[in-house]
Amino acid sequence: QALSSIDPVVRGHSQAVIQLKELAIIMKHLVPTESDPSMEILRYN
């Protein structure tokens, strides 16, 4: 469900934000510790 949020078709939906944040948590080992993808996800959506 989290992976399905990367589909650009669902961009703009509220669930896309929730699932992208969940995906960011799952793959937090890939994100630098000083970075916060949450705000970027909101702007992207």
All heavy atoms as atom14 arrays in JSON, in Angstrom:
{
  "sequence": "QALSSIDPVVRGHSQAVIQLKELAIIMKHLVPTESDPSMEILRYN",
  "atom14_mask": [
    [1, 1, 1, 1, 1, 1, 1, 1, 1, 0, 0, 0, 0, 0],
    [1, 1, 1, 1, 1, 0, 0, 0, 0, 0, 0, 0, 0, 0],
    [1, 1, 1, 1, 1, 1, 1, 1, 0, 0, 0, 0, 0, 0],
    [1, 1, 1, 1, 1, 1, 0, 0, 0, 0, 0, 0, 0, 0],
    [1, 1, 1, 1, 1, 1, 0, 0, 0, 0, 0, 0, 0, 0],
    [1, 1, 1, 1, 1, 1, 1, 1, 0, 0, 0, 0, 0, 0],
    [1, 1, 1, 1, 1, 1, 1, 1, 0, 0, 0, 0, 0, 0],
    [1, 1, 1, 1, 1, 1, 1, 0, 0, 0, 0, 0, 0, 0],
    [1, 1, 1, 1, 1, 1, 1, 0, 0, 0, 0, 0, 0, 0],
    [1, 1, 1, 1, 1, 1, 1, 0, 0, 0, 0, 0, 0, 0],
    [1, 1, 1, 1, 1, 1, 1, 1, 1, 1, 1, 0, 0, 0],
    [1, 1, 1, 1, 0, 0, 0, 0, 0, 0, 0, 0, 0, 0],
    [1, 1, 1, 1, 1, 1, 1, 1, 1, 1, 0, 0, 0, 0],
    [1, 1, 1, 1, 1, 1, 0, 0, 0, 0, 0, 0, 0, 0],
    [1, 1, 1, 1, 1, 1, 1, 1, 1, 0, 0, 0, 0, 0],
    [1, 1, 1, 1, 1, 0, 0, 0, 0, 0, 0, 0, 0, 0],
    [1, 1, 1, 1, 1, 1, 1, 0, 0, 0, 0, 0, 0, 0],
    [1, 1, 1, 1, 1, 1, 1, 1, 0, 0, 0, 0, 0, 0],
    [1, 1, 1, 1, 1, 1, 1, 1, 1, 0, 0, 0, 0, 0],
    [1, 1, 1, 1, 1, 1, 1, 1, 0, 0, 0, 0, 0, 0],
    [1, 1, 1, 1, 1, 1, 1, 1, 1, 0, 0, 0, 0, 0],
    [1, 1, 1, 1, 1, 1, 1, 1, 1, 0, 0, 0, 0, 0],
    [1, 1, 1, 1, 1, 1, 1, 1, 0, 0, 0, 0, 0, 0],
    [1, 1, 1, 1, 1, 0, 0, 0, 0, 0, 0, 0, 0, 0],
    [1, 1, 1, 1, 1, 1, 1, 1, 0, 0, 0, 0, 0, 0],
    [1, 1, 1, 1, 1, 1, 1, 1, 0, 0, 0, 0, 0, 0],
    [1, 1, 1, 1, 1, 1, 1, 1, 0, 0, 0, 0, 0, 0],
    [1, 1, 1, 1, 1, 1, 1, 1, 1, 0, 0, 0, 0, 0],
    [1, 1, 1, 1, 1, 1, 1, 1, 1, 1, 0, 0, 0, 0],
    [1, 1, 1, 1, 1, 1, 1, 1, 0, 0, 0, 0, 0, 0],
    [1, 1, 1, 1, 1, 1, 1, 0, 0, 0, 0, 0, 0, 0],
    [1, 1, 1, 1, 1, 1, 1, 0, 0, 0, 0, 0, 0, 0],
    [1, 1, 1, 1, 1, 1, 1, 0, 0, 0, 0, 0, 0, 0],
    [1, 1, 1, 1, 1, 1, 1, 1, 1, 0, 0, 0, 0, 0],
    [1, 1, 1, 1, 1, 1, 0, 0, 0, 0, 0, 0, 0, 0],
    [1, 1, 1, 1, 1, 1, 1, 1, 0, 0, 0, 0, 0, 0],
    [1, 1, 1, 1, 1, 1, 1, 0, 0, 0, 0, 0, 0, 0],
    [1, 1, 1, 1, 1, 1, 0, 0, 0, 0, 0, 0, 0, 0],
    [1, 1, 1, 1, 1, 1, 1, 1, 0, 0, 0, 0, 0, 0],
    [1, 1, 1, 1, 1, 1, 1, 1, 1, 0, 0, 0, 0, 0],
    [1, 1, 1, 1, 1, 1, 1, 1, 0, 0, 0, 0, 0, 0],
    [1, 1, 1, 1, 1, 1, 1, 1, 0, 0, 0, 0, 0, 0],
    [1, 1, 1, 1, 1, 1, 1, 1, 1, 1, 1, 0, 0, 0],
    [1, 1, 1, 1, 1, 1, 1, 1, 1, 1, 1, 1, 0, 0],
    [1, 1, 1, 1, 1, 1, 1, 1, 0, 0, 0, 0, 0, 0]
  ],
  "atom14_positions": [
    [[0.83, -1.2, 0.0], [0.0, 0.0, 0.0], [0.86, 1.25, 0.0], [0.55, 2.23, -0.69], [-0.93, -0.01, 1.21], [-2.01, -1.09, 1.15], [-2.87, -1.13, 2.39], [-2.76, -0.27, 3.27], [-3.74, -2.13, 2.49], [0.0, 0.0, 0.0], [0.0, 0.0, 0.0], [0.0, 0.0, 0.0], [0.0, 0.0, 0.0], [0.0, 0.0, 0.0]],
    [[1.96, 1.21, 0.76], [2.87, 2.35, 0.79], [3.57, 2.52, -0.55], [3.74, 3.64, -1.05], [3.88, 2.18, 1.92], [0.0, 0.0, 0.0], [0.0, 0.0, 0.0], [0.0, 0.0, 0.0], [0.0, 0.0, 0.0], [0.0, 0.0, 0.0], [0.0, 0.0, 0.0], [0.0, 0.0, 0.0], [0.0, 0.0, 0.0], [0.0, 0.0, 0.0]],
    [[3.98, 1.42, -1.15], [4.66, 1.48, -2.44], [3.74, 2.0, -3.55], [4.19, 2.66, -4.48], [5.2, 0.1, -2.82], [6.44, -0.38, -2.07], [6.7, -1.85, -2.35], [7.66, 0.46, -2.45], [0.0, 0.0, 0.0], [0.0, 0.0, 0.0], [0.0, 0.0, 0.0], [0.0, 0.0, 0.0], [0.0, 0.0, 0.0], [0.0, 0.0, 0.0]],
    [[2.45, 1.72, -3.44], [1.51, 2.18, -4.46], [1.39, 3.7, -4.5], [0.95, 4.26, -5.49], [0.13, 1.56, -4.22], [-0.44, 2.05, -3.02], [0.0, 0.0, 0.0], [0.0, 0.0, 0.0], [0.0, 0.0, 0.0], [0.0, 0.0, 0.0], [0.0, 0.0, 0.0], [0.0, 0.0, 0.0], [0.0, 0.0, 0.0], [0.0, 0.0, 0.0]],
    [[1.82, 4.37, -3.45], [1.7, 5.83, -3.38], [2.69, 6.54, -4.29], [2.57, 7.75, -4.51], [1.9, 6.31, -1.94], [3.22, 6.01, -1.48], [0.0, 0.0, 0.0], [0.0, 0.0, 0.0], [0.0, 0.0, 0.0], [0.0, 0.0, 0.0], [0.0, 0.0, 0.0], [0.0, 0.0, 0.0], [0.0, 0.0, 0.0], [0.0, 0.0, 0.0]],
    [[3.68, 5.83, -4.82], [4.63, 6.5, -5.72], [4.05, 6.67, -7.11], [4.65, 7.34, -7.96], [5.96, 5.72, -5.81], [5.77, 4.4, -6.58], [6.53, 5.46, -4.43], [7.05, 3.66, -6.83], [0.0, 0.0, 0.0], [0.0, 0.0, 0.0], [0.0, 0.0, 0.0], [0.0, 0.0, 0.0], [0.0, 0.0, 0.0], [0.0, 0.0, 0.0]],
    [[2.89, 6.08, -7.37], [2.23, 6.25, -8.66], [1.77, 7.7, -8.79], [0.97, 8.19, -7.97], [1.03, 5.3, -8.76], [0.46, 5.23, -10.17], [0.7, 6.16, -10.95], [-0.2, 4.23, -10.49], [0.0, 0.0, 0.0], [0.0, 0.0, 0.0], [0.0, 0.0, 0.0], [0.0, 0.0, 0.0], [0.0, 0.0, 0.0], [0.0, 0.0, 0.0]],
    [[2.25, 8.42, -9.8], [1.85, 9.83, -9.95], [0.35, 10.03, -10.14], [-0.16, 11.14, -9.93], [2.61, 10.27, -11.21], [3.76, 9.32, -11.32], [3.23, 8.02, -10.81], [0.0, 0.0, 0.0], [0.0, 0.0, 0.0], [0.0, 0.0, 0.0], [0.0, 0.0, 0.0], [0.0, 0.0, 0.0], [0.0, 0.0, 0.0], [0.0, 0.0, 0.0]],
    [[-0.37, 8.97, -10.53], [-1.81, 9.09, -10.72], [-2.52, 9.48, -9.43], [-3.52, 10.22, -9.44], [-2.39, 7.76, -11.28], [-3.91, 7.79, -11.3], [-1.87, 7.52, -12.69], [0.0, 0.0, 0.0], [0.0, 0.0, 0.0], [0.0, 0.0, 0.0], [0.0, 0.0, 0.0], [0.0, 0.0, 0.0], [0.0, 0.0, 0.0], [0.0, 0.0, 0.0]],
    [[-2.01, 9.01, -8.28], [-2.68, 9.27, -6.99], [-2.19, 10.56, -6.35], [-2.64, 10.9, -5.26], [-2.45, 8.08, -6.03], [-3.0, 6.81, -6.61], [-0.97, 7.92, -5.68], [0.0, 0.0, 0.0], [0.0, 0.0, 0.0], [0.0, 0.0, 0.0], [0.0, 0.0, 0.0], [0.0, 0.0, 0.0], [0.0, 0.0, 0.0], [0.0, 0.0, 0.0]],
    [[-1.29, 11.26, -7.01], [-0.78, 12.53, -6.44], [-1.92, 13.52, -6.29], [-2.75, 13.69, -7.18], [0.3, 13.11, -7.34], [1.09, 14.25, -6.71], [2.26, 14.63, -7.59], [1.83, 15.33, -8.79], [1.72, 16.66, -8.89], [1.98, 17.42, -7.84], [1.33, 17.21, -10.01], [0.0, 0.0, 0.0], [0.0, 0.0, 0.0], [0.0, 0.0, 0.0]],
    [[-1.97, 14.19, -5.14], [-3.03, 15.12, -4.84], [-4.07, 14.57, -3.89], [-4.86, 15.31, -3.3], [0.0, 0.0, 0.0], [0.0, 0.0, 0.0], [0.0, 0.0, 0.0], [0.0, 0.0, 0.0], [0.0, 0.0, 0.0], [0.0, 0.0, 0.0], [0.0, 0.0, 0.0], [0.0, 0.0, 0.0], [0.0, 0.0, 0.0], [0.0, 0.0, 0.0]],
    [[-4.09, 13.24, -3.71], [-5.03, 12.62, -2.79], [-4.44, 12.62, -1.38], [-3.23, 12.5, -1.2], [-5.34, 11.19, -3.25], [-6.57, 10.61, -2.62], [-6.58, 10.12, -1.33], [-7.83, 10.46, -3.11], [-7.79, 9.67, -1.05], [-8.57, 9.86, -2.1], [0.0, 0.0, 0.0], [0.0, 0.0, 0.0], [0.0, 0.0, 0.0], [0.0, 0.0, 0.0]],
    [[-5.3, 12.73, -0.4], [-4.83, 12.76, 0.99], [-4.16, 11.46, 1.39], [-3.19, 11.44, 2.15], [-6.0, 13.06, 1.94], [-7.01, 12.06, 1.81], [0.0, 0.0, 0.0], [0.0, 0.0, 0.0], [0.0, 0.0, 0.0], [0.0, 0.0, 0.0], [0.0, 0.0, 0.0], [0.0, 0.0, 0.0], [0.0, 0.0, 0.0], [0.0, 0.0, 0.0]],
    [[-4.66, 10.34, 0.86], [-4.06, 9.05, 1.19], [-2.66, 8.92, 0.62], [-1.82, 8.19, 1.16], [-4.95, 7.91, 0.65], [-6.11, 7.54, 1.56], [-5.66, 7.0, 2.9], [-4.7, 6.23, 2.98], [-6.33, 7.42, 3.95], [0.0, 0.0, 0.0], [0.0, 0.0, 0.0], [0.0, 0.0, 0.0], [0.0, 0.0, 0.0], [0.0, 0.0, 0.0]],
    [[-2.39, 9.63, -0.49], [-1.05, 9.59, -1.08], [-0.03, 10.15, -0.11], [1.08, 9.62, 0.02], [-1.03, 10.37, -2.39], [0.0, 0.0, 0.0], [0.0, 0.0, 0.0], [0.0, 0.0, 0.0], [0.0, 0.0, 0.0], [0.0, 0.0, 0.0], [0.0, 0.0, 0.0], [0.0, 0.0, 0.0], [0.0, 0.0, 0.0], [0.0, 0.0, 0.0]],
    [[-0.4, 11.21, 0.59], [0.5, 11.8, 1.59], [0.76, 10.82, 2.73], [1.9, 10.61, 3.15], [-0.1, 13.11, 2.15], [0.77, 13.66, 3.28], [-0.23, 14.15, 1.03], [0.0, 0.0, 0.0], [0.0, 0.0, 0.0], [0.0, 0.0, 0.0], [0.0, 0.0, 0.0], [0.0, 0.0, 0.0], [0.0, 0.0, 0.0], [0.0, 0.0, 0.0]],
    [[-0.31, 10.21, 3.22], [-0.18, 9.28, 4.34], [0.71, 8.1, 3.97], [1.61, 7.71, 4.72], [-1.58, 8.78, 4.78], [-2.42, 9.96, 5.3], [-1.45, 7.69, 5.83], [-3.86, 9.59, 5.61], [0.0, 0.0, 0.0], [0.0, 0.0, 0.0], [0.0, 0.0, 0.0], [0.0, 0.0, 0.0], [0.0, 0.0, 0.0], [0.0, 0.0, 0.0]],
    [[0.47, 7.53, 2.79], [1.23, 6.34, 2.38], [2.67, 6.7, 2.01], [3.58, 5.88, 2.24], [0.53, 5.66, 1.2], [-0.85, 5.1, 1.53], [-0.8, 4.07, 2.65], [0.21, 3.41, 2.86], [-1.9, 3.94, 3.38], [0.0, 0.0, 0.0], [0.0, 0.0, 0.0], [0.0, 0.0, 0.0], [0.0, 0.0, 0.0], [0.0, 0.0, 0.0]],
    [[2.9, 7.88, 1.45], [4.28, 8.28, 1.16], [5.07, 8.47, 2.44], [6.25, 8.13, 2.51], [4.28, 9.57, 0.34], [4.17, 9.43, -1.18], [4.07, 10.79, -1.84], [5.37, 8.65, -1.74], [0.0, 0.0, 0.0], [0.0, 0.0, 0.0], [0.0, 0.0, 0.0], [0.0, 0.0, 0.0], [0.0, 0.0, 0.0], [0.0, 0.0, 0.0]],
    [[4.43, 9.02, 3.46], [5.1, 9.17, 4.76], [5.4, 7.79, 5.35], [6.46, 7.59, 5.95], [4.22, 9.98, 5.71], [4.14, 11.46, 5.36], [3.31, 12.23, 6.39], [3.28, 13.71, 6.07], [2.47, 14.48, 7.06], [0.0, 0.0, 0.0], [0.0, 0.0, 0.0], [0.0, 0.0, 0.0], [0.0, 0.0, 0.0], [0.0, 0.0, 0.0]],
    [[4.47, 6.86, 5.17], [4.7, 5.5, 5.66], [5.86, 4.86, 4.91], [6.69, 4.16, 5.5], [3.43, 4.66, 5.46], [3.51, 3.25, 6.02], [3.6, 3.22, 7.53], [3.14, 4.18, 8.18], [4.15, 2.23, 8.07], [0.0, 0.0, 0.0], [0.0, 0.0, 0.0], [0.0, 0.0, 0.0], [0.0, 0.0, 0.0], [0.0, 0.0, 0.0]],
    [[5.93, 5.11, 3.6], [7.03, 4.58, 2.8], [8.36, 5.19, 3.23], [9.39, 4.5, 3.27], [6.78, 4.88, 1.32], [7.8, 4.32, 0.33], [7.82, 2.79, 0.39], [7.49, 4.78, -1.09], [0.0, 0.0, 0.0], [0.0, 0.0, 0.0], [0.0, 0.0, 0.0], [0.0, 0.0, 0.0], [0.0, 0.0, 0.0], [0.0, 0.0, 0.0]],
    [[8.34, 6.46, 3.58], [9.56, 7.13, 4.04], [10.05, 6.51, 5.36], [11.26, 6.42, 5.61], [9.32, 8.62, 4.22], [0.0, 0.0, 0.0], [0.0, 0.0, 0.0], [0.0, 0.0, 0.0], [0.0, 0.0, 0.0], [0.0, 0.0, 0.0], [0.0, 0.0, 0.0], [0.0, 0.0, 0.0], [0.0, 0.0, 0.0], [0.0, 0.0, 0.0]],
    [[9.11, 6.08, 6.2], [9.48, 5.42, 7.46], [10.08, 4.05, 7.17], [11.08, 3.65, 7.77], [8.24, 5.29, 8.38], [7.76, 6.68, 8.81], [8.57, 4.43, 9.6], [6.47, 6.65, 9.6], [0.0, 0.0, 0.0], [0.0, 0.0, 0.0], [0.0, 0.0, 0.0], [0.0, 0.0, 0.0], [0.0, 0.0, 0.0], [0.0, 0.0, 0.0]],
    [[9.47, 3.32, 6.23], [9.97, 1.99, 5.88], [11.39, 2.08, 5.33], [12.24, 1.25, 5.62], [9.04, 1.33, 4.85], [7.66, 1.06, 5.48], [9.64, 0.02, 4.32], [6.63, 0.54, 4.5], [0.0, 0.0, 0.0], [0.0, 0.0, 0.0], [0.0, 0.0, 0.0], [0.0, 0.0, 0.0], [0.0, 0.0, 0.0], [0.0, 0.0, 0.0]],
    [[11.66, 3.13, 4.54], [12.96, 3.3, 3.89], [13.77, 4.42, 4.52], [14.55, 5.09, 3.84], [12.77, 3.56, 2.39], [12.08, 2.44, 1.66], [12.15, 2.61, -0.12], [11.44, 1.06, -0.65], [0.0, 0.0, 0.0], [0.0, 0.0, 0.0], [0.0, 0.0, 0.0], [0.0, 0.0, 0.0], [0.0, 0.0, 0.0], [0.0, 0.0, 0.0]],
    [[13.62, 4.59, 5.82], [14.33, 5.67, 6.5], [15.84, 5.48, 6.49], [16.6, 6.44, 6.65], [13.85, 5.77, 7.95], [14.07, 4.51, 8.79], [13.5, 4.69, 10.18], [13.69, 3.43, 11.02], [13.13, 3.59, 12.39], [0.0, 0.0, 0.0], [0.0, 0.0, 0.0], [0.0, 0.0, 0.0], [0.0, 0.0, 0.0], [0.0, 0.0, 0.0]],
    [[16.3, 4.22, 6.27], [17.74, 3.97, 6.22], [18.36, 4.59, 4.97], [19.6, 4.72, 4.89], [18.0, 2.46, 6.23], [17.36, 1.73, 5.1], [16.0, 1.47, 5.05], [17.88, 1.19, 3.97], [15.72, 0.81, 3.94], [16.84, 0.62, 3.26], [0.0, 0.0, 0.0], [0.0, 0.0, 0.0], [0.0, 0.0, 0.0], [0.0, 0.0, 0.0]],
    [[17.53, 4.97, 3.98], [18.05, 5.59, 2.77], [18.08, 7.11, 2.85], [18.7, 7.76, 2.02], [17.19, 5.18, 1.56], [17.08, 3.67, 1.28], [16.12, 3.43, 0.12], [18.45, 3.09, 0.96], [0.0, 0.0, 0.0], [0.0, 0.0, 0.0], [0.0, 0.0, 0.0], [0.0, 0.0, 0.0], [0.0, 0.0, 0.0], [0.0, 0.0, 0.0]],
    [[17.41, 7.66, 3.85], [17.29, 9.12, 3.98], [18.31, 9.62, 5.0], [18.42, 9.05, 6.09], [15.87, 9.51, 4.42], [15.73, 11.02, 4.51], [14.84, 8.93, 3.48], [0.0, 0.0, 0.0], [0.0, 0.0, 0.0], [0.0, 0.0, 0.0], [0.0, 0.0, 0.0], [0.0, 0.0, 0.0], [0.0, 0.0, 0.0], [0.0, 0.0, 0.0]],
    [[19.07, 10.67, 4.68], [20.02, 11.24, 5.65], [19.3, 11.64, 6.93], [18.15, 12.12, 6.9], [20.59, 12.47, 4.91], [20.41, 12.15, 3.45], [19.14, 11.36, 3.37], [0.0, 0.0, 0.0], [0.0, 0.0, 0.0], [0.0, 0.0, 0.0], [0.0, 0.0, 0.0], [0.0, 0.0, 0.0], [0.0, 0.0, 0.0], [0.0, 0.0, 0.0]],
    [[19.95, 11.45, 8.05], [19.32, 11.72, 9.36], [18.91, 13.17, 9.52], [17.95, 13.48, 10.22], [20.29, 11.33, 10.49], [21.55, 12.01, 10.28], [20.53, 9.83, 10.5], [0.0, 0.0, 0.0], [0.0, 0.0, 0.0], [0.0, 0.0, 0.0], [0.0, 0.0, 0.0], [0.0, 0.0, 0.0], [0.0, 0.0, 0.0], [0.0, 0.0, 0.0]],
    [[19.64, 14.08, 8.87], [19.32, 15.51, 9.03], [18.19, 15.95, 8.11], [17.72, 17.1, 8.19], [20.55, 16.36, 8.75], [21.06, 16.32, 7.3], [21.98, 15.13, 7.05], [22.12, 14.29, 7.97], [22.56, 15.07, 5.96], [0.0, 0.0, 0.0], [0.0, 0.0, 0.0], [0.0, 0.0, 0.0], [0.0, 0.0, 0.0], [0.0, 0.0, 0.0]],
    [[17.71, 15.07, 7.23], [16.66, 15.42, 6.28], [15.3, 14.97, 6.8], [15.17, 13.96, 7.48], [16.93, 14.77, 4.93], [18.18, 15.17, 4.41], [0.0, 0.0, 0.0], [0.0, 0.0, 0.0], [0.0, 0.0, 0.0], [0.0, 0.0, 0.0], [0.0, 0.0, 0.0], [0.0, 0.0, 0.0], [0.0, 0.0, 0.0], [0.0, 0.0, 0.0]],
    [[14.28, 15.74, 6.46], [12.91, 15.41, 6.85], [12.05, 15.37, 5.59], [11.71, 16.42, 5.02], [12.36, 16.45, 7.81], [10.96, 16.11, 8.28], [10.53, 14.95, 8.07], [10.28, 16.99, 8.84], [0.0, 0.0, 0.0], [0.0, 0.0, 0.0], [0.0, 0.0, 0.0], [0.0, 0.0, 0.0], [0.0, 0.0, 0.0], [0.0, 0.0, 0.0]],
    [[11.7, 14.19, 5.11], [10.93, 14.09, 3.87], [9.46, 14.48, 4.01], [8.77, 14.64, 3.02], [11.06, 12.61, 3.49], [11.28, 11.92, 4.79], [12.05, 12.87, 5.65], [0.0, 0.0, 0.0], [0.0, 0.0, 0.0], [0.0, 0.0, 0.0], [0.0, 0.0, 0.0], [0.0, 0.0, 0.0], [0.0, 0.0, 0.0], [0.0, 0.0, 0.0]],
    [[8.99, 14.67, 5.25], [7.56, 14.95, 5.46], [7.12, 16.22, 4.76], [6.09, 16.25, 4.06], [7.26, 15.04, 6.96], [7.57, 13.84, 7.61], [0.0, 0.0, 0.0], [0.0, 0.0, 0.0], [0.0, 0.0, 0.0], [0.0, 0.0, 0.0], [0.0, 0.0, 0.0], [0.0, 0.0, 0.0], [0.0, 0.0, 0.0], [0.0, 0.0, 0.0]],
    [[7.88, 17.31, 4.93], [7.51, 18.58, 4.3], [7.64, 18.48, 2.78], [6.84, 19.06, 2.04], [8.39, 19.7, 4.85], [8.21, 19.98, 6.32], [6.48, 20.34, 6.74], [6.21, 21.82, 5.77], [0.0, 0.0, 0.0], [0.0, 0.0, 0.0], [0.0, 0.0, 0.0], [0.0, 0.0, 0.0], [0.0, 0.0, 0.0], [0.0, 0.0, 0.0]],
    [[8.64, 17.74, 2.32], [8.8, 17.57, 0.88], [7.62, 16.81, 0.29], [7.18, 17.1, -0.83], [10.11, 16.84, 0.58], [11.36, 17.63, 0.93], [12.62, 16.91, 0.51], [12.52, 15.89, -0.21], [13.72, 17.35, 0.9], [0.0, 0.0, 0.0], [0.0, 0.0, 0.0], [0.0, 0.0, 0.0], [0.0, 0.0, 0.0], [0.0, 0.0, 0.0]],
    [[7.12, 15.82, 1.01], [5.97, 15.05, 0.54], [4.74, 15.94, 0.41], [3.98, 15.84, -0.57], [5.69, 13.88, 1.5], [6.82, 12.84, 1.42], [4.36, 13.21, 1.21], [6.75, 11.73, 2.44], [0.0, 0.0, 0.0], [0.0, 0.0, 0.0], [0.0, 0.0, 0.0], [0.0, 0.0, 0.0], [0.0, 0.0, 0.0], [0.0, 0.0, 0.0]],
    [[4.54, 16.83, 1.39], [3.4, 17.75, 1.32], [3.51, 18.68, 0.12], [2.53, 18.92, -0.59], [3.32, 18.57, 2.62], [2.95, 17.79, 3.89], [3.06, 18.68, 5.11], [1.53, 17.24, 3.77], [0.0, 0.0, 0.0], [0.0, 0.0, 0.0], [0.0, 0.0, 0.0], [0.0, 0.0, 0.0], [0.0, 0.0, 0.0], [0.0, 0.0, 0.0]],
    [[4.72, 19.21, -0.13], [4.92, 20.11, -1.26], [4.75, 19.37, -2.58], [4.16, 19.89, -3.53], [6.3, 20.76, -1.2], [6.48, 21.7, 0.0], [7.62, 22.67, -0.24], [8.85, 21.99, -0.63], [9.76, 21.54, 0.23], [9.56, 21.7, 1.54], [10.85, 20.94, -0.2], [0.0, 0.0, 0.0], [0.0, 0.0, 0.0], [0.0, 0.0, 0.0]],
    [[5.27, 18.14, -2.63], [5.17, 17.34, -3.85], [3.71, 17.04, -4.19], [3.3, 17.09, -5.36], [5.95, 16.03, -3.68], [5.46, 14.91, -4.55], [5.79, 14.85, -5.91], [4.65, 13.89, -4.03], [5.32, 13.81, -6.72], [4.19, 12.86, -4.83], [4.53, 12.82, -6.17], [4.06, 11.81, -6.96], [0.0, 0.0, 0.0], [0.0, 0.0, 0.0]],
    [[2.91, 16.76, -3.18], [1.53, 16.35, -3.4], [0.68, 17.46, -4.01], [-0.34, 17.18, -4.66], [0.91, 15.89, -2.08], [-0.32, 15.03, -2.28], [-0.31, 14.09, -3.07], [-1.4, 15.34, -1.58], [0.0, 0.0, 0.0], [0.0, 0.0, 0.0], [0.0, 0.0, 0.0], [0.0, 0.0, 0.0], [0.0, 0.0, 0.0], [0.0, 0.0, 0.0]]
  ]
}
